[in-house]
Amino acid sequence: MDSGGFVPMHTHRGATELIIMVQGQMIAGFLTHDASYVKTLNPRDLMFVPRGQMHFVANYGKDQVVAFAAFSSSNPGVHSFNDIFSNDLSSDIFAQTTFLDLEQVKNLKAHFHGSS
């Protein structure tokens, strides 16, 4: 992963994930319902991401990063945070069923190329 690169927030409903750091330095983290766990990973570090937890990695350093991900299933699936806003669900319904107001929903849908 190049400097400034990242893997955006996402989940794997079908598997736990093990991140294996080989070269460089990056941050990795995951979210639970009441906490965030963020660590700086260096070569030979490992990070375990529980099944279904929203997580990310990002290279904020100057050097390229080499890391591997291993999954507990051959079909982990992936659900990106971006999917929430890149669909055609009515903005009115979305605003009514979340803590976001209509303008926030419309701005996010525009940013992630959603419609309605």
PDB file of N, CA and C in Angstrom:
ATOM      1  N   MET A   1       0.860  -1.161   0.000  1.00  0.00           N
ATOM      2  CA  MET A   1       0.000   0.000   0.000  1.00  0.00           C
ATOM      3  C   MET A   1       0.910   1.229   0.000  1.00  0.00           C
ATOM      4  N   ASP A   2       0.651   2.129  -0.910  1.00  0.00           N
ATOM      5  CA  ASP A   2       1.439   3.350  -1.010  1.00  0.00           C
ATOM      6  C   ASP A   2       1.169   4.291   0.149  1.00  0.00           C
ATOM      7  N   SER A   3       2.075   5.245   0.339  1.00  0.00           N
ATOM      8  CA  SER A   3       1.883   6.287   1.345  1.00  0.00           C
ATOM      9  C   SER A   3       0.564   7.004   1.075  1.00  0.00           C
ATOM     10  N   GLY A   4      -0.232   7.195   2.105  1.00  0.00           N
ATOM     11  CA  GLY A   4      -1.536   7.834   1.950  1.00  0.00           C
ATOM     12  C   GLY A   4      -2.648   6.875   1.565  1.00  0.00           C
ATOM     13  N   GLY A   5      -2.306   5.630   1.287  1.00  0.00           N
ATOM     14  CA  GLY A   5      -3.314   4.645   0.903  1.00  0.00           C
ATOM     15  C   GLY A   5      -4.124   4.169   2.098  1.00  0.00           C
ATOM     16  N   PHE A   6      -5.283   3.615   1.816  1.00  0.00           N
ATOM     17  CA  PHE A   6      -6.143   3.121   2.891  1.00  0.00           C
ATOM     18  C   PHE A   6      -7.136   2.101   2.347  1.00  0.00           C
ATOM     19  N   VAL A   7      -7.679   1.313   3.235  1.00  0.00           N
ATOM     20  CA  VAL A   7      -8.824   0.451   2.941  1.00  0.00           C
ATOM     21  C   VAL A   7      -9.959   1.019   3.771  1.00  0.00           C
ATOM     22  N   PRO A   8     -11.026   1.511   3.133  1.00  0.00           N
ATOM     23  CA  PRO A   8     -12.090   2.190   3.882  1.00  0.00           C
ATOM     24  C   PRO A   8     -12.853   1.250   4.814  1.00  0.00           C
ATOM     25  N   MET A   9     -13.609   1.859   5.710  1.00  0.00           N
ATOM     26  CA  MET A   9     -14.426   1.107   6.666  1.00  0.00           C
ATOM     27  C   MET A   9     -15.237   0.037   5.941  1.00  0.00           C
ATOM     28  N   HIS A  10     -15.191  -1.184   6.493  1.00  0.00           N
ATOM     29  CA  HIS A  10     -15.952  -2.289   5.928  1.00  0.00           C
ATOM     30  C   HIS A  10     -16.084  -3.393   6.972  1.00  0.00           C
ATOM     31  N   THR A  11     -16.902  -4.378   6.671  1.00  0.00           N
ATOM     32  CA  THR A  11     -17.069  -5.540   7.545  1.00  0.00           C
ATOM     33  C   THR A  11     -16.974  -6.815   6.718  1.00  0.00           C
ATOM     34  N   HIS A  12     -16.755  -7.917   7.406  1.00  0.00           N
ATOM     35  CA  HIS A  12     -16.826  -9.253   6.819  1.00  0.00           C
ATOM     36  C   HIS A  12     -17.771 -10.056   7.703  1.00  0.00           C
ATOM     37  N   ARG A  13     -18.989 -10.235   7.244  1.00  0.00           N
ATOM     38  CA  ARG A  13     -19.978 -10.974   8.036  1.00  0.00           C
ATOM     39  C   ARG A  13     -19.645 -12.455   8.140  1.00  0.00           C
ATOM     40  N   GLY A  14     -18.898 -12.957   7.144  1.00  0.00           N
ATOM     41  CA  GLY A  14     -18.660 -14.391   7.086  1.00  0.00           C
ATOM     42  C   GLY A  14     -17.337 -14.863   7.650  1.00  0.00           C
ATOM     43  N   ALA A  15     -16.525 -13.966   8.238  1.00  0.00           N
ATOM     44  CA  ALA A  15     -15.212 -14.415   8.709  1.00  0.00           C
ATOM     45  C   ALA A  15     -14.576 -13.415   9.658  1.00  0.00           C
ATOM     46  N   THR A  16     -13.712 -13.944  10.505  1.00  0.00           N
ATOM     47  CA  THR A  16     -12.802 -13.089  11.259  1.00  0.00           C
ATOM     48  C   THR A  16     -11.598 -12.827  10.360  1.00  0.00           C
ATOM     49  N   GLU A  17     -10.836 -11.778  10.653  1.00  0.00           N
ATOM     50  CA  GLU A  17      -9.696 -11.403   9.821  1.00  0.00           C
ATOM     51  C   GLU A  17      -8.455 -11.266  10.688  1.00  0.00           C
ATOM     52  N   LEU A  18      -7.336 -11.735  10.154  1.00  0.00           N
ATOM     53  CA  LEU A  18      -6.041 -11.563  10.793  1.00  0.00           C
ATOM     54  C   LEU A  18      -5.184 -10.729   9.856  1.00  0.00           C
ATOM     55  N   ILE A  19      -4.727  -9.570  10.316  1.00  0.00           N
ATOM     56  CA  ILE A  19      -3.850  -8.699   9.534  1.00  0.00           C
ATOM     57  C   ILE A  19      -2.421  -8.988   9.967  1.00  0.00           C
ATOM     58  N   ILE A  20      -1.559  -9.275   8.995  1.00  0.00           N
ATOM     59  CA  ILE A  20      -0.166  -9.629   9.256  1.00  0.00           C
ATOM     60  C   ILE A  20       0.714  -8.553   8.631  1.00  0.00           C
ATOM     61  N   MET A  21       1.399  -7.789   9.452  1.00  0.00           N
ATOM     62  CA  MET A  21       2.229  -6.676   8.986  1.00  0.00           C
ATOM     63  C   MET A  21       3.617  -7.187   8.611  1.00  0.00           C
ATOM     64  N   VAL A  22       4.085  -6.830   7.411  1.00  0.00           N
ATOM     65  CA  VAL A  22       5.371  -7.309   6.912  1.00  0.00           C
ATOM     66  C   VAL A  22       6.392  -6.180   6.808  1.00  0.00           C
ATOM     67  N   GLN A  23       5.989  -5.058   6.228  1.00  0.00           N
ATOM     68  CA  GLN A  23       6.935  -3.967   5.963  1.00  0.00           C
ATOM     69  C   GLN A  23       6.242  -2.629   6.136  1.00  0.00           C
ATOM     70  N   GLY A  24       6.965  -1.646   6.684  1.00  0.00           N
ATOM     71  CA  GLY A  24       6.423  -0.305   6.854  1.00  0.00           C
ATOM     72  C   GLY A  24       5.664  -0.171   8.160  1.00  0.00           C
ATOM     73  N   GLN A  25       4.811   0.837   8.195  1.00  0.00           N
ATOM     74  CA  GLN A  25       4.019   1.121   9.394  1.00  0.00           C
ATOM     75  C   GLN A  25       2.661   1.653   8.954  1.00  0.00           C
ATOM     76  N   MET A  26       1.598   1.154   9.565  1.00  0.00           N
ATOM     77  CA  MET A  26       0.252   1.635   9.249  1.00  0.00           C
ATOM     78  C   MET A  26      -0.598   1.553  10.507  1.00  0.00           C
ATOM     79  N   ILE A  27      -1.742   2.227  10.452  1.00  0.00           N
ATOM     80  CA  ILE A  27      -2.699   2.082  11.543  1.00  0.00           C
ATOM     81  C   ILE A  27      -3.813   1.152  11.074  1.00  0.00           C
ATOM     82  N   ALA A  28      -4.347   0.420  12.020  1.00  0.00           N
ATOM     83  CA  ALA A  28      -5.484  -0.457  11.756  1.00  0.00           C
ATOM     84  C   ALA A  28      -6.409  -0.348  12.949  1.00  0.00           C
ATOM     85  N   GLY A  29      -7.694  -0.450  12.691  1.00  0.00           N
ATOM     86  CA  GLY A  29      -8.621  -0.344  13.802  1.00  0.00           C
ATOM     87  C   GLY A  29      -9.955  -0.972  13.492  1.00  0.00           C
ATOM     88  N   PHE A  30     -10.697  -1.240  14.567  1.00  0.00           N
ATOM     89  CA  PHE A  30     -12.067  -1.716  14.409  1.00  0.00           C
ATOM     90  C   PHE A  30     -12.938  -1.082  15.480  1.00  0.00           C
ATOM     91  N   LEU A  31     -14.233  -1.068  15.206  1.00  0.00           N
ATOM     92  CA  LEU A  31     -15.209  -0.421  16.076  1.00  0.00           C
ATOM     93  C   LEU A  31     -16.150  -1.461  16.661  1.00  0.00           C
ATOM     94  N   THR A  32     -16.501  -1.269  17.927  1.00  0.00           N
ATOM     95  CA  THR A  32     -17.566  -2.049  18.540  1.00  0.00           C
ATOM     96  C   THR A  32     -18.713  -1.085  18.815  1.00  0.00           C
ATOM     97  N   HIS A  33     -19.768  -1.545  19.457  1.00  0.00           N
ATOM     98  CA  HIS A  33     -20.912  -0.662  19.705  1.00  0.00           C
ATOM     99  C   HIS A  33     -20.572   0.473  20.662  1.00  0.00           C
ATOM    100  N   ASP A  34     -19.507   0.337  21.455  1.00  0.00           N
ATOM    101  CA  ASP A  34     -19.205   1.393  22.431  1.00  0.00           C
ATOM    102  C   ASP A  34     -17.734   1.783  22.517  1.00  0.00           C
ATOM    103  N   ALA A  35     -16.890   1.276  21.614  1.00  0.00           N
ATOM    104  CA  ALA A  35     -15.464   1.597  21.702  1.00  0.00           C
ATOM    105  C   ALA A  35     -14.791   1.460  20.343  1.00  0.00           C
ATOM    106  N   SER A  36     -13.633   2.095  20.221  1.00  0.00           N
ATOM    107  CA  SER A  36     -12.792   1.916  19.042  1.00  0.00           C
ATOM    108  C   SER A  36     -11.449   1.352  19.495  1.00  0.00           C
ATOM    109  N   TYR A  37     -10.886   0.492  18.685  1.00  0.00           N
ATOM    110  CA  TYR A  37      -9.582  -0.106  18.945  1.00  0.00           C
ATOM    111  C   TYR A  37      -8.692   0.220  17.760  1.00  0.00           C
ATOM    112  N   VAL A  38      -7.717   1.090  17.962  1.00  0.00           N
ATOM    113  CA  VAL A  38      -6.832   1.537  16.892  1.00  0.00           C
ATOM    114  C   VAL A  38      -5.397   1.311  17.346  1.00  0.00           C
ATOM    115  N   LYS A  39      -4.597   0.690  16.485  1.00  0.00           N
ATOM    116  CA  LYS A  39      -3.208   0.379  16.803  1.00  0.00           C
ATOM    117  C   LYS A  39      -2.310   0.753  15.637  1.00  0.00           C
ATOM    118  N   THR A  40      -1.089   1.154  15.961  1.00  0.00           N
ATOM    119  CA  THR A  40      -0.056   1.320  14.954  1.00  0.00           C
ATOM    120  C   THR A  40       0.614  -0.031  14.780  1.00  0.00           C
ATOM    121  N   LEU A  41       0.629  -0.528  13.553  1.00  0.00           N
ATOM    122  CA  LEU A  41       1.217  -1.830  13.265  1.00  0.00           C
ATOM    123  C   LEU A  41       2.591  -1.655  12.637  1.00  0.00           C
ATOM    124  N   ASN A  42       3.550  -2.404  13.137  1.00  0.00           N
ATOM    125  CA  ASN A  42       4.920  -2.435  12.640  1.00  0.00           C
ATOM    126  C   ASN A  42       5.212  -3.838  12.132  1.00  0.00           C
ATOM    127  N   PRO A  43       6.340  -4.032  11.413  1.00  0.00           N
ATOM    128  CA  PRO A  43       6.659  -5.371  10.921  1.00  0.00           C
ATOM    129  C   PRO A  43       6.595  -6.424  12.035  1.00  0.00           C
ATOM    130  N   ARG A  44       6.020  -7.579  11.701  1.00  0.00           N
ATOM    131  CA  ARG A  44       5.812  -8.741  12.575  1.00  0.00           C
ATOM    132  C   ARG A  44       4.641  -8.573  13.532  1.00  0.00           C
ATOM    133  N   ASP A  45       3.933  -7.431  13.494  1.00  0.00           N
ATOM    134  CA  ASP A  45       2.733  -7.265  14.324  1.00  0.00           C
ATOM    135  C   ASP A  45       1.551  -7.971  13.664  1.00  0.00           C
ATOM    136  N   LEU A  46       0.622  -8.393  14.495  1.00  0.00           N
ATOM    137  CA  LEU A  46      -0.627  -9.011  14.048  1.00  0.00           C
ATOM    138  C   LEU A  46      -1.790  -8.244  14.646  1.00  0.00           C
ATOM    139  N   MET A  47      -2.901  -8.204  13.933  1.00  0.00           N
ATOM    140  CA  MET A  47      -4.123  -7.637  14.500  1.00  0.00           C
ATOM    141  C   MET A  47      -5.281  -8.546  14.127  1.00  0.00           C
ATOM    142  N   PHE A  48      -6.061  -8.897  15.108  1.00  0.00           N
ATOM    143  CA  PHE A  48      -7.230  -9.746  14.944  1.00  0.00           C
ATOM    144  C   PHE A  48      -8.460  -8.852  14.879  1.00  0.00           C
ATOM    145  N   VAL A  49      -9.271  -9.020  13.837  1.00  0.00           N
ATOM    146  CA  VAL A  49     -10.516  -8.265  13.689  1.00  0.00           C
ATOM    147  C   VAL A  49     -11.676  -9.256  13.803  1.00  0.00           C
ATOM    148  N   PRO A  50     -12.482  -9.145  14.850  1.00  0.00           N
ATOM    149  CA  PRO A  50     -13.592 -10.087  15.027  1.00  0.00           C
ATOM    150  C   PRO A  50     -14.600 -10.036  13.869  1.00  0.00           C
ATOM    151  N   ARG A  51     -15.206 -11.155  13.606  1.00  0.00           N
ATOM    152  CA  ARG A  51     -16.224 -11.279  12.555  1.00  0.00           C
ATOM    153  C   ARG A  51     -17.283 -10.185  12.706  1.00  0.00           C
ATOM    154  N   GLY A  52     -17.583  -9.516  11.596  1.00  0.00           N
ATOM    155  CA  GLY A  52     -18.665  -8.542  11.567  1.00  0.00           C
ATOM    156  C   GLY A  52     -18.330  -7.157  12.094  1.00  0.00           C
ATOM    157  N   GLN A  53     -17.115  -6.942  12.615  1.00  0.00           N
ATOM    158  CA  GLN A  53     -16.771  -5.615  13.154  1.00  0.00           C
ATOM    159  C   GLN A  53     -16.358  -4.670  12.024  1.00  0.00           C
ATOM    160  N   MET A  54     -16.839  -3.445  12.073  1.00  0.00           N
ATOM    161  CA  MET A  54     -16.443  -2.410  11.130  1.00  0.00           C
ATOM    162  C   MET A  54     -14.956  -2.132  11.364  1.00  0.00           C
ATOM    163  N   HIS A  55     -14.132  -2.150  10.291  1.00  0.00           N
ATOM    164  CA  HIS A  55     -12.695  -1.943  10.460  1.00  0.00           C
ATOM    165  C   HIS A  55     -12.073  -1.275   9.241  1.00  0.00           C
ATOM    166  N   PHE A  56     -10.798  -0.877   9.385  1.00  0.00           N
ATOM    167  CA  PHE A  56     -10.081  -0.131   8.351  1.00  0.00           C
ATOM    168  C   PHE A  56      -8.583  -0.302   8.553  1.00  0.00           C
ATOM    169  N   VAL A  57      -7.801   0.056   7.529  1.00  0.00           N
ATOM    170  CA  VAL A  57      -6.353   0.222   7.645  1.00  0.00           C
ATOM    171  C   VAL A  57      -5.971   1.461   6.852  1.00  0.00           C
ATOM    172  N   ALA A  58      -4.891   2.135   7.270  1.00  0.00           N
ATOM    173  CA  ALA A  58      -4.441   3.343   6.576  1.00  0.00           C
ATOM    174  C   ALA A  58      -2.938   3.496   6.731  1.00  0.00           C
ATOM    175  N   ASN A  59      -2.281   3.902   5.657  1.00  0.00           N
ATOM    176  CA  ASN A  59      -0.846   4.155   5.664  1.00  0.00           C
ATOM    177  C   ASN A  59      -0.617   5.659   5.750  1.00  0.00           C
ATOM    178  N   TYR A  60      -0.296   6.141   6.943  1.00  0.00           N
ATOM    179  CA  TYR A  60      -0.008   7.557   7.140  1.00  0.00           C
ATOM    180  C   TYR A  60       1.482   7.857   7.078  1.00  0.00           C
ATOM    181  N   GLY A  61       2.303   6.838   6.864  1.00  0.00           N
ATOM    182  CA  GLY A  61       3.748   7.020   6.809  1.00  0.00           C
ATOM    183  C   GLY A  61       4.219   7.451   5.430  1.00  0.00           C
ATOM    184  N   LYS A  62       5.540   7.608   5.299  1.00  0.00           N
ATOM    185  CA  LYS A  62       6.148   8.013   4.032  1.00  0.00           C
ATOM    186  C   LYS A  62       6.485   6.822   3.145  1.00  0.00           C
ATOM    187  N   ASP A  63       6.611   5.648   3.759  1.00  0.00           N
ATOM    188  CA  ASP A  63       7.059   4.463   3.036  1.00  0.00           C
ATOM    189  C   ASP A  63       5.897   3.562   2.650  1.00  0.00           C
ATOM    190  N   GLN A  64       6.157   2.726   1.662  1.00  0.00           N
ATOM    191  CA  GLN A  64       5.155   1.749   1.249  1.00  0.00           C
ATOM    192  C   GLN A  64       4.970   0.696   2.343  1.00  0.00           C
ATOM    193  N   VAL A  65       3.760   0.178   2.454  1.00  0.00           N
ATOM    194  CA  VAL A  65       3.409  -0.847   3.436  1.00  0.00           C
ATOM    195  C   VAL A  65       3.143  -2.163   2.704  1.00  0.00           C
ATOM    196  N   VAL A  66       3.618  -3.246   3.303  1.00  0.00           N
ATOM    197  CA  VAL A  66       3.274  -4.586   2.827  1.00  0.00           C
ATOM    198  C   VAL A  66       2.626  -5.317   3.999  1.00  0.00           C
ATOM    199  N   ALA A  67       1.425  -5.788   3.784  1.00  0.00           N
ATOM    200  CA  ALA A  67       0.688  -6.521   4.814  1.00  0.00           C
ATOM    201  C   ALA A  67      -0.183  -7.564   4.123  1.00  0.00           C
ATOM    202  N   PHE A  68      -0.539  -8.586   4.869  1.00  0.00           N
ATOM    203  CA  PHE A  68      -1.418  -9.634   4.362  1.00  0.00           C
ATOM    204  C   PHE A  68      -2.632  -9.754   5.267  1.00  0.00           C
ATOM    205  N   ALA A  69      -3.720 -10.215   4.690  1.00  0.00           N
ATOM    206  CA  ALA A  69      -4.923 -10.493   5.475  1.00  0.00           C
ATOM    207  C   ALA A  69      -5.283 -11.961   5.272  1.00  0.00           C
ATOM    208  N   ALA A  70      -5.577 -12.630   6.370  1.00  0.00           N
ATOM    209  CA  ALA A  70      -6.033 -14.020   6.326  1.00  0.00           C
ATOM    210  C   ALA A  70      -7.416 -14.075   6.970  1.00  0.00           C
ATOM    211  N   PHE A  71      -8.280 -14.913   6.417  1.00  0.00           N
ATOM    212  CA  PHE A  71      -9.659 -15.001   6.889  1.00  0.00           C
ATOM    213  C   PHE A  71      -9.973 -16.403   7.400  1.00  0.00           C
ATOM    214  N   SER A  72     -10.924 -16.489   8.303  1.00  0.00           N
ATOM    215  CA  SER A  72     -11.330 -17.777   8.872  1.00  0.00           C
ATOM    216  C   SER A  72     -12.293 -18.538   7.961  1.00  0.00           C
ATOM    217  N   SER A  73     -12.560 -17.988   6.785  1.00  0.00           N
ATOM    218  CA  SER A  73     -13.471 -18.615   5.832  1.00  0.00           C
ATOM    219  C   SER A  73     -12.987 -18.305   4.425  1.00  0.00           C
ATOM    220  N   SER A  74     -13.261 -19.201   3.493  1.00  0.00           N
ATOM    221  CA  SER A  74     -12.910 -18.936   2.097  1.00  0.00           C
ATOM    222  C   SER A  74     -13.890 -17.965   1.449  1.00  0.00           C
ATOM    223  N   ASN A  75     -14.969 -17.627   2.142  1.00  0.00           N
ATOM    224  CA  ASN A  75     -15.959 -16.686   1.629  1.00  0.00           C
ATOM    225  C   ASN A  75     -16.322 -15.682   2.724  1.00  0.00           C
ATOM    226  N   PRO A  76     -15.412 -14.720   3.025  1.00  0.00           N
ATOM    227  CA  PRO A  76     -15.675 -13.787   4.122  1.00  0.00           C
ATOM    228  C   PRO A  76     -16.763 -12.768   3.819  1.00  0.00           C
ATOM    229  N   GLY A  77     -17.000 -12.494   2.521  1.00  0.00           N
ATOM    230  CA  GLY A  77     -17.933 -11.434   2.159  1.00  0.00           C
ATOM    231  C   GLY A  77     -17.373 -10.084   2.554  1.00  0.00           C
ATOM    232  N   VAL A  78     -17.918  -9.037   1.982  1.00  0.00           N
ATOM    233  CA  VAL A  78     -17.492  -7.688   2.354  1.00  0.00           C
ATOM    234  C   VAL A  78     -18.686  -6.755   2.240  1.00  0.00           C
ATOM    235  N   HIS A  79     -18.822  -5.900   3.227  1.00  0.00           N
ATOM    236  CA  HIS A  79     -19.872  -4.888   3.230  1.00  0.00           C
ATOM    237  C   HIS A  79     -19.195  -3.569   3.574  1.00  0.00           C
ATOM    238  N   SER A  80     -19.185  -2.650   2.620  1.00  0.00           N
ATOM    239  CA  SER A  80     -18.516  -1.367   2.795  1.00  0.00           C
ATOM    240  C   SER A  80     -19.451  -0.345   3.421  1.00  0.00           C
ATOM    241  N   PHE A  81     -18.900   0.492   4.268  1.00  0.00           N
ATOM    242  CA  PHE A  81     -19.661   1.590   4.855  1.00  0.00           C
ATOM    243  C   PHE A  81     -20.269   2.458   3.759  1.00  0.00           C
ATOM    244  N   ASN A  82     -19.559   2.589   2.646  1.00  0.00           N
ATOM    245  CA  ASN A  82     -20.045   3.399   1.523  1.00  0.00           C
ATOM    246  C   ASN A  82     -21.370   2.880   0.979  1.00  0.00           C
ATOM    247  N   ASP A  83     -21.613   1.567   1.112  1.00  0.00           N
ATOM    248  CA  ASP A  83     -22.858   0.975   0.607  1.00  0.00           C
ATOM    249  C   ASP A  83     -24.095   1.605   1.232  1.00  0.00           C
ATOM    250  N   ILE A  84     -23.958   2.121   2.437  1.00  0.00           N
ATOM    251  CA  ILE A  84     -25.094   2.722   3.126  1.00  0.00           C
ATOM    252  C   ILE A  84     -25.646   3.904   2.336  1.00  0.00           C
ATOM    253  N   PHE A  85     -24.762   4.648   1.676  1.00  0.00           N
ATOM    254  CA  PHE A  85     -25.181   5.867   0.989  1.00  0.00           C
ATOM    255  C   PHE A  85     -25.174   5.757  -0.532  1.00  0.00           C
ATOM    256  N   SER A  86     -24.658   4.659  -1.092  1.00  0.00           N
ATOM    257  CA  SER A  86     -24.526   4.569  -2.549  1.00  0.00           C
ATOM    258  C   SER A  86     -25.671   3.789  -3.191  1.00  0.00           C
ATOM    259  N   ASN A  87     -26.834   3.830  -2.581  1.00  0.00           N
ATOM    260  CA  ASN A  87     -27.980   3.073  -3.089  1.00  0.00           C
ATOM    261  C   ASN A  87     -29.125   4.016  -3.453  1.00  0.00           C
ATOM    262  N   ASP A  88     -30.280   3.437  -3.753  1.00  0.00           N
ATOM    263  CA  ASP A  88     -31.424   4.250  -4.176  1.00  0.00           C
ATOM    264  C   ASP A  88     -32.518   4.371  -3.117  1.00  0.00           C
ATOM    265  N   LEU A  89     -32.219   4.050  -1.846  1.00  0.00           N
ATOM    266  CA  LEU A  89     -33.205   4.243  -0.782  1.00  0.00           C
ATOM    267  C   LEU A  89     -33.563   5.722  -0.692  1.00  0.00           C
ATOM    268  N   SER A  90     -34.819   6.013  -0.581  1.00  0.00           N
ATOM    269  CA  SER A  90     -35.290   7.395  -0.483  1.00  0.00           C
ATOM    270  C   SER A  90     -34.566   8.138   0.638  1.00  0.00           C
ATOM    271  N   SER A  91     -34.084   9.335   0.337  1.00  0.00           N
ATOM    272  CA  SER A  91     -33.419  10.165   1.353  1.00  0.00           C
ATOM    273  C   SER A  91     -34.357  10.473   2.507  1.00  0.00           C
ATOM    274  N   ASP A  92     -35.635  10.664   2.219  1.00  0.00           N
ATOM    275  CA  ASP A  92     -36.615  10.926   3.278  1.00  0.00           C
ATOM    276  C   ASP A  92     -36.706   9.745   4.251  1.00  0.00           C
ATOM    277  N   ILE A  93     -36.795   8.537   3.701  1.00  0.00           N
ATOM    278  CA  ILE A  93     -36.860   7.349   4.558  1.00  0.00           C
ATOM    279  C   ILE A  93     -35.562   7.188   5.344  1.00  0.00           C
ATOM    280  N   PHE A  94     -34.444   7.406   4.667  1.00  0.00           N
ATOM    281  CA  PHE A  94     -33.147   7.279   5.336  1.00  0.00           C
ATOM    282  C   PHE A  94     -33.055   8.247   6.514  1.00  0.00           C
ATOM    283  N   ALA A  95     -33.449   9.489   6.294  1.00  0.00           N
ATOM    284  CA  ALA A  95     -33.395  10.497   7.366  1.00  0.00           C
ATOM    285  C   ALA A  95     -34.336  10.129   8.514  1.00  0.00           C
ATOM    286  N   GLN A  96     -35.507   9.609   8.191  1.00  0.00           N
ATOM    287  CA  GLN A  96     -36.474   9.241   9.232  1.00  0.00           C
ATOM    288  C   GLN A  96     -36.006   8.057  10.074  1.00  0.00           C
ATOM    289  N   THR A  97     -35.164   7.206   9.507  1.00  0.00           N
ATOM    290  CA  THR A  97     -34.762   5.981  10.210  1.00  0.00           C
ATOM    291  C   THR A  97     -33.339   6.028  10.761  1.00  0.00           C
ATOM    292  N   THR A  98     -32.728   7.222  10.747  1.00  0.00           N
ATOM    293  CA  THR A  98     -31.379   7.405  11.303  1.00  0.00           C
ATOM    294  C   THR A  98     -31.366   8.680  12.139  1.00  0.00           C
ATOM    295  N   PHE A  99     -30.228   8.994  12.693  1.00  0.00           N
ATOM    296  CA  PHE A  99     -30.058  10.237  13.447  1.00  0.00           C
ATOM    297  C   PHE A  99     -29.529  11.362  12.566  1.00  0.00           C
ATOM    298  N   LEU A 100     -29.632  11.221  11.252  1.00  0.00           N
ATOM    299  CA  LEU A 100     -29.159  12.238  10.319  1.00  0.00           C
ATOM    300  C   LEU A 100     -30.337  13.055   9.817  1.00  0.00           C
ATOM    301  N   ASP A 101     -30.089  14.344   9.590  1.00  0.00           N
ATOM    302  CA  ASP A 101     -31.162  15.143   9.003  1.00  0.00           C
ATOM    303  C   ASP A 101     -31.121  15.000   7.482  1.00  0.00           C
ATOM    304  N   LEU A 102     -32.178  15.447   6.820  1.00  0.00           N
ATOM    305  CA  LEU A 102     -32.340  15.248   5.385  1.00  0.00           C
ATOM    306  C   LEU A 102     -31.179  15.837   4.590  1.00  0.00           C
ATOM    307  N   GLU A 103     -30.704  17.022   4.941  1.00  0.00           N
ATOM    308  CA  GLU A 103     -29.587  17.639   4.211  1.00  0.00           C
ATOM    309  C   GLU A 103     -28.312  16.819   4.335  1.00  0.00           C
ATOM    310  N   GLN A 104     -28.040  16.282   5.525  1.00  0.00           N
ATOM    311  CA  GLN A 104     -26.862  15.426   5.702  1.00  0.00           C
ATOM    312  C   GLN A 104     -26.963  14.187   4.816  1.00  0.00           C
ATOM    313  N   VAL A 105     -28.131  13.570   4.786  1.00  0.00           N
ATOM    314  CA  VAL A 105     -28.335  12.384   3.964  1.00  0.00           C
ATOM    315  C   VAL A 105     -28.111  12.717   2.494  1.00  0.00           C
ATOM    316  N   LYS A 106     -28.688  13.810   2.019  1.00  0.00           N
ATOM    317  CA  LYS A 106     -28.529  14.196   0.612  1.00  0.00           C
ATOM    318  C   LYS A 106     -27.068  14.461   0.273  1.00  0.00           C
ATOM    319  N   ASN A 107     -26.332  15.127   1.173  1.00  0.00           N
ATOM    320  CA  ASN A 107     -24.907  15.394   0.938  1.00  0.00           C
ATOM    321  C   ASN A 107     -24.104  14.099   0.872  1.00  0.00           C
ATOM    322  N   LEU A 108     -24.374  13.176   1.780  1.00  0.00           N
ATOM    323  CA  LEU A 108     -23.654  11.902   1.784  1.00  0.00           C
ATOM    324  C   LEU A 108     -23.996  11.063   0.561  1.00  0.00           C
ATOM    325  N   LYS A 109     -25.264  11.040   0.169  1.00  0.00           N
ATOM    326  CA  LYS A 109     -25.651  10.298  -1.029  1.00  0.00           C
ATOM    327  C   LYS A 109     -24.979  10.893  -2.271  1.00  0.00           C
ATOM    328  N   ALA A 110     -24.876  12.207  -2.336  1.00  0.00           N
ATOM    329  CA  ALA A 110     -24.204  12.844  -3.469  1.00  0.00           C
ATOM    330  C   ALA A 110     -22.721  12.469  -3.491  1.00  0.00           C
ATOM    331  N   HIS A 111     -22.106  12.462  -2.330  1.00  0.00           N
ATOM    332  CA  HIS A 111     -20.679  12.133  -2.241  1.00  0.00           C
ATOM    333  C   HIS A 111     -20.401  10.688  -2.658  1.00  0.00           C
ATOM    334  N   PHE A 112     -21.286   9.764  -2.276  1.00  0.00           N
ATOM    335  CA  PHE A 112     -21.085   8.344  -2.571  1.00  0.00           C
ATOM    336  C   PHE A 112     -21.865   7.880  -3.797  1.00  0.00           C
ATOM    337  N   HIS A 113     -22.382   8.818  -4.588  1.00  0.00           N
ATOM    338  CA  HIS A 113     -23.064   8.540  -5.857  1.00  0.00           C
ATOM    339  C   HIS A 113     -24.353   7.742  -5.686  1.00  0.00           C
ATOM    340  N   GLY A 114     -25.049   7.982  -4.596  1.00  0.00           N
ATOM    341  CA  GLY A 114     -26.358   7.373  -4.392  1.00  0.00           C
ATOM    342  C   GLY A 114     -27.426   8.180  -5.103  1.00  0.00           C
ATOM    343  N   SER A 115     -28.649   7.700  -5.061  1.00  0.00           N
ATOM    344  CA  SER A 115     -29.758   8.421  -5.683  1.00  0.00           C
ATOM    345  C   SER A 115     -30.932   8.464  -4.721  1.00  0.00           C
ATOM    346  N   SER A 116     -31.978   9.175  -5.116  1.00  0.00           N
ATOM    347  CA  SER A 116     -33.214   9.362  -4.340  1.00  0.00           C
ATOM    348  C   SER A 116     -32.973  10.285  -3.183  1.00  0.00           C
TER     349      SER A 116
END
